[in-house]
Amino acid sequence: MMFRFEKLEVWHRAVQLADEIYALTRTFPQDERFGLTSQIRRSAISVSSNIAEGCGRSSDRDFAHFLEIAYASLMEVVSQLRISLRQSLIDEAKHNSLYRAAEELARMLSGLRSSLIRPSPPAKS
């Protein structure tokens, strides 16, 4: 048995991004544990969590709303990656790799959201 969200490629990509963020932040200095490390991890987890929660809602409209929240959390991750780069916690190659993954995930979230809120075509008589 699988839950509905587990069948979604966008959810798998979000979990993969969270895995990569966790691996990355293990290299951050100890004094960042309650700062940037905690914040970027929570943001990354929020992406897949909101996809899953939205998938469990009873309407496409509700699901689309949770996809918006997932997208916003992804934007937090992107911002925090930039701060990590500027603070020399990550190198440019790692930043660029994760940035590209975030871009792809953002497109997937937007596409799924659009498919949920598209008006139905008029019925033929």
C-alpha atoms as a PDB file:
ATOM      1  CA  MET A   1       0.000   0.000   0.000  1.00  0.00           C
ATOM      2  CA  MET A   2       1.127   3.527  -0.778  1.00  0.00           C
ATOM      3  CA  PHE A   3      -0.255   6.837   0.269  1.00  0.00           C
ATOM      4  CA  ARG A   4      -1.304   9.067  -2.617  1.00  0.00           C
ATOM      5  CA  PHE A   5       1.502  11.583  -2.082  1.00  0.00           C
ATOM      6  CA  GLU A   6       4.103   8.789  -2.277  1.00  0.00           C
ATOM      7  CA  LYS A   7       3.130   8.311  -5.917  1.00  0.00           C
ATOM      8  CA  LEU A   8       4.028  11.911  -6.776  1.00  0.00           C
ATOM      9  CA  GLU A   9       7.445  12.576  -8.318  1.00  0.00           C
ATOM     10  CA  VAL A  10       7.345  16.109  -6.891  1.00  0.00           C
ATOM     11  CA  TRP A  11       7.162  14.674  -3.369  1.00  0.00           C
ATOM     12  CA  HIS A  12      10.118  12.355  -4.049  1.00  0.00           C
ATOM     13  CA  ARG A  13      12.143  15.303  -5.346  1.00  0.00           C
ATOM     14  CA  ALA A  14      11.278  17.336  -2.255  1.00  0.00           C
ATOM     15  CA  VAL A  15      12.432  14.500   0.013  1.00  0.00           C
ATOM     16  CA  GLN A  16      15.633  14.210  -2.015  1.00  0.00           C
ATOM     17  CA  LEU A  17      16.275  17.945  -1.591  1.00  0.00           C
ATOM     18  CA  ALA A  18      15.756  17.618   2.167  1.00  0.00           C
ATOM     19  CA  ASP A  19      18.246  14.723   2.222  1.00  0.00           C
ATOM     20  CA  GLU A  20      20.783  16.884   0.402  1.00  0.00           C
ATOM     21  CA  ILE A  21      20.189  19.798   2.788  1.00  0.00           C
ATOM     22  CA  TYR A  22      20.718  17.528   5.790  1.00  0.00           C
ATOM     23  CA  ALA A  23      23.961  16.179   4.339  1.00  0.00           C
ATOM     24  CA  LEU A  24      25.138  19.688   3.523  1.00  0.00           C
ATOM     25  CA  THR A  25      24.357  21.154   6.933  1.00  0.00           C
ATOM     26  CA  ARG A  26      26.266  18.393   8.714  1.00  0.00           C
ATOM     27  CA  THR A  27      29.351  20.292   7.522  1.00  0.00           C
ATOM     28  CA  PHE A  28      28.191  23.629   8.990  1.00  0.00           C
ATOM     29  CA  PRO A  29      29.984  24.924  12.090  1.00  0.00           C
ATOM     30  CA  GLN A  30      28.593  23.898  15.478  1.00  0.00           C
ATOM     31  CA  ASP A  31      27.723  27.517  16.299  1.00  0.00           C
ATOM     32  CA  GLU A  32      25.215  27.472  13.412  1.00  0.00           C
ATOM     33  CA  ARG A  33      23.299  24.508  14.855  1.00  0.00           C
ATOM     34  CA  PHE A  34      20.494  26.703  16.264  1.00  0.00           C
ATOM     35  CA  GLY A  35      20.714  29.276  13.496  1.00  0.00           C
ATOM     36  CA  LEU A  36      21.015  28.645   9.808  1.00  0.00           C
ATOM     37  CA  THR A  37      21.335  24.849  10.114  1.00  0.00           C
ATOM     38  CA  SER A  38      18.046  24.531  11.964  1.00  0.00           C
ATOM     39  CA  GLN A  39      16.246  27.046   9.764  1.00  0.00           C
ATOM     40  CA  ILE A  40      17.236  25.582   6.399  1.00  0.00           C
ATOM     41  CA  ARG A  41      16.451  22.062   7.589  1.00  0.00           C
ATOM     42  CA  ARG A  42      12.985  23.089   8.772  1.00  0.00           C
ATOM     43  CA  SER A  43      12.321  24.884   5.488  1.00  0.00           C
ATOM     44  CA  ALA A  44      13.450  21.879   3.442  1.00  0.00           C
ATOM     45  CA  ILE A  45      11.300  19.489   5.480  1.00  0.00           C
ATOM     46  CA  SER A  46       8.325  21.790   5.087  1.00  0.00           C
ATOM     47  CA  VAL A  47       8.332  21.385   1.300  1.00  0.00           C
ATOM     48  CA  SER A  48       7.629  17.630   1.296  1.00  0.00           C
ATOM     49  CA  SER A  49       5.452  17.855   4.410  1.00  0.00           C
ATOM     50  CA  ASN A  50       3.107  20.369   2.805  1.00  0.00           C
ATOM     51  CA  ILE A  51       2.862  18.305  -0.369  1.00  0.00           C
ATOM     52  CA  ALA A  52       1.877  15.301   1.754  1.00  0.00           C
ATOM     53  CA  GLU A  53      -0.563  17.270   3.894  1.00  0.00           C
ATOM     54  CA  GLY A  54      -2.212  18.868   0.878  1.00  0.00           C
ATOM     55  CA  CYS A  55      -2.559  15.504  -0.796  1.00  0.00           C
ATOM     56  CA  GLY A  56      -4.559  14.355   2.206  1.00  0.00           C
ATOM     57  CA  ARG A  57      -7.080  17.157   1.888  1.00  0.00           C
ATOM     58  CA  SER A  58     -10.511  16.591   0.450  1.00  0.00           C
ATOM     59  CA  SER A  59     -10.417  19.049  -2.440  1.00  0.00           C
ATOM     60  CA  ASP A  60      -8.070  20.083  -5.224  1.00  0.00           C
ATOM     61  CA  ARG A  61      -8.421  23.673  -4.037  1.00  0.00           C
ATOM     62  CA  ASP A  62      -7.107  22.738  -0.584  1.00  0.00           C
ATOM     63  CA  PHE A  63      -4.307  20.686  -2.143  1.00  0.00           C
ATOM     64  CA  ALA A  64      -3.354  23.678  -4.330  1.00  0.00           C
ATOM     65  CA  HIS A  65      -3.178  25.874  -1.217  1.00  0.00           C
ATOM     66  CA  PHE A  66      -0.713  23.487   0.444  1.00  0.00           C
ATOM     67  CA  LEU A  67       1.345  23.435  -2.748  1.00  0.00           C
ATOM     68  CA  GLU A  68       1.598  27.230  -2.431  1.00  0.00           C
ATOM     69  CA  ILE A  69       2.919  26.790   1.101  1.00  0.00           C
ATOM     70  CA  ALA A  70       5.394  24.154  -0.133  1.00  0.00           C
ATOM     71  CA  TYR A  71       6.549  26.595  -2.829  1.00  0.00           C
ATOM     72  CA  ALA A  72       7.025  29.349  -0.241  1.00  0.00           C
ATOM     73  CA  SER A  73       9.093  27.003   1.929  1.00  0.00           C
ATOM     74  CA  LEU A  74      11.206  26.169  -1.107  1.00  0.00           C
ATOM     75  CA  MET A  75      11.842  29.884  -1.624  1.00  0.00           C
ATOM     76  CA  GLU A  76      13.060  30.028   1.990  1.00  0.00           C
ATOM     77  CA  VAL A  77      15.527  27.228   1.203  1.00  0.00           C
ATOM     78  CA  VAL A  78      16.798  29.162  -1.830  1.00  0.00           C
ATOM     79  CA  SER A  79      17.292  32.286   0.274  1.00  0.00           C
ATOM     80  CA  GLN A  80      19.065  30.348   3.008  1.00  0.00           C
ATOM     81  CA  LEU A  81      21.342  28.700   0.461  1.00  0.00           C
ATOM     82  CA  ARG A  82      22.360  32.157  -0.765  1.00  0.00           C
ATOM     83  CA  ILE A  83      23.134  33.224   2.796  1.00  0.00           C
ATOM     84  CA  SER A  84      25.142  30.020   3.264  1.00  0.00           C
ATOM     85  CA  LEU A  85      27.142  30.887   0.162  1.00  0.00           C
ATOM     86  CA  ARG A  86      27.713  34.477   1.262  1.00  0.00           C
ATOM     87  CA  GLN A  87      28.867  33.270   4.679  1.00  0.00           C
ATOM     88  CA  SER A  88      31.295  30.825   2.998  1.00  0.00           C
ATOM     89  CA  LEU A  89      29.534  27.823   4.507  1.00  0.00           C
ATOM     90  CA  ILE A  90      29.137  26.275   1.049  1.00  0.00           C
ATOM     91  CA  ASP A  91      31.035  26.714  -2.193  1.00  0.00           C
ATOM     92  CA  GLU A  92      29.570  28.084  -5.396  1.00  0.00           C
ATOM     93  CA  ALA A  93      29.411  24.685  -7.110  1.00  0.00           C
ATOM     94  CA  LYS A  94      27.291  23.201  -4.297  1.00  0.00           C
ATOM     95  CA  HIS A  95      25.086  26.299  -4.220  1.00  0.00           C
ATOM     96  CA  ASN A  96      24.523  26.136  -7.970  1.00  0.00           C
ATOM     97  CA  SER A  97      23.710  22.425  -7.867  1.00  0.00           C
ATOM     98  CA  LEU A  98      21.107  22.857  -5.135  1.00  0.00           C
ATOM     99  CA  TYR A  99      19.772  26.004  -6.795  1.00  0.00           C
ATOM    100  CA  ARG A 100      19.132  24.059 -10.009  1.00  0.00           C
ATOM    101  CA  ALA A 101      17.366  21.324  -8.029  1.00  0.00           C
ATOM    102  CA  ALA A 102      15.209  23.989  -6.378  1.00  0.00           C
ATOM    103  CA  GLU A 103      14.372  25.526  -9.763  1.00  0.00           C
ATOM    104  CA  GLU A 104      13.198  22.163 -11.075  1.00  0.00           C
ATOM    105  CA  LEU A 105      11.175  21.486  -7.938  1.00  0.00           C
ATOM    106  CA  ALA A 106       9.605  24.951  -8.193  1.00  0.00           C
ATOM    107  CA  ARG A 107       8.519  24.216 -11.774  1.00  0.00           C
ATOM    108  CA  MET A 108       7.025  20.901 -10.697  1.00  0.00           C
ATOM    109  CA  LEU A 109       5.112  22.483  -7.815  1.00  0.00           C
ATOM    110  CA  SER A 110       3.796  25.258 -10.058  1.00  0.00           C
ATOM    111  CA  GLY A 111       2.750  22.801 -12.744  1.00  0.00           C
ATOM    112  CA  LEU A 112       0.925  20.561 -10.306  1.00  0.00           C
ATOM    113  CA  ARG A 113      -0.798  23.539  -8.699  1.00  0.00           C
ATOM    114  CA  SER A 114      -1.886  24.856 -12.103  1.00  0.00           C
ATOM    115  CA  SER A 115      -3.322  21.477 -13.041  1.00  0.00           C
ATOM    116  CA  LEU A 116      -5.413  21.478  -9.865  1.00  0.00           C
ATOM    117  CA  ILE A 117      -6.915  24.941 -10.263  1.00  0.00           C
ATOM    118  CA  ARG A 118      -7.550  24.886 -14.010  1.00  0.00           C
ATOM    119  CA  PRO A 119     -11.228  25.400 -14.744  1.00  0.00           C
ATOM    120  CA  SER A 120     -12.978  22.428 -16.261  1.00  0.00           C
ATOM    121  CA  PRO A 121     -13.880  22.744 -19.927  1.00  0.00           C
ATOM    122  CA  PRO A 122     -17.565  23.429 -20.570  1.00  0.00           C
ATOM    123  CA  ALA A 123     -19.729  20.365 -20.976  1.00  0.00           C
ATOM    124  CA  LYS A 124     -20.825  19.552 -24.509  1.00  0.00           C
ATOM    125  CA  SER A 125     -24.566  19.542 -25.143  1.00  0.00           C
END
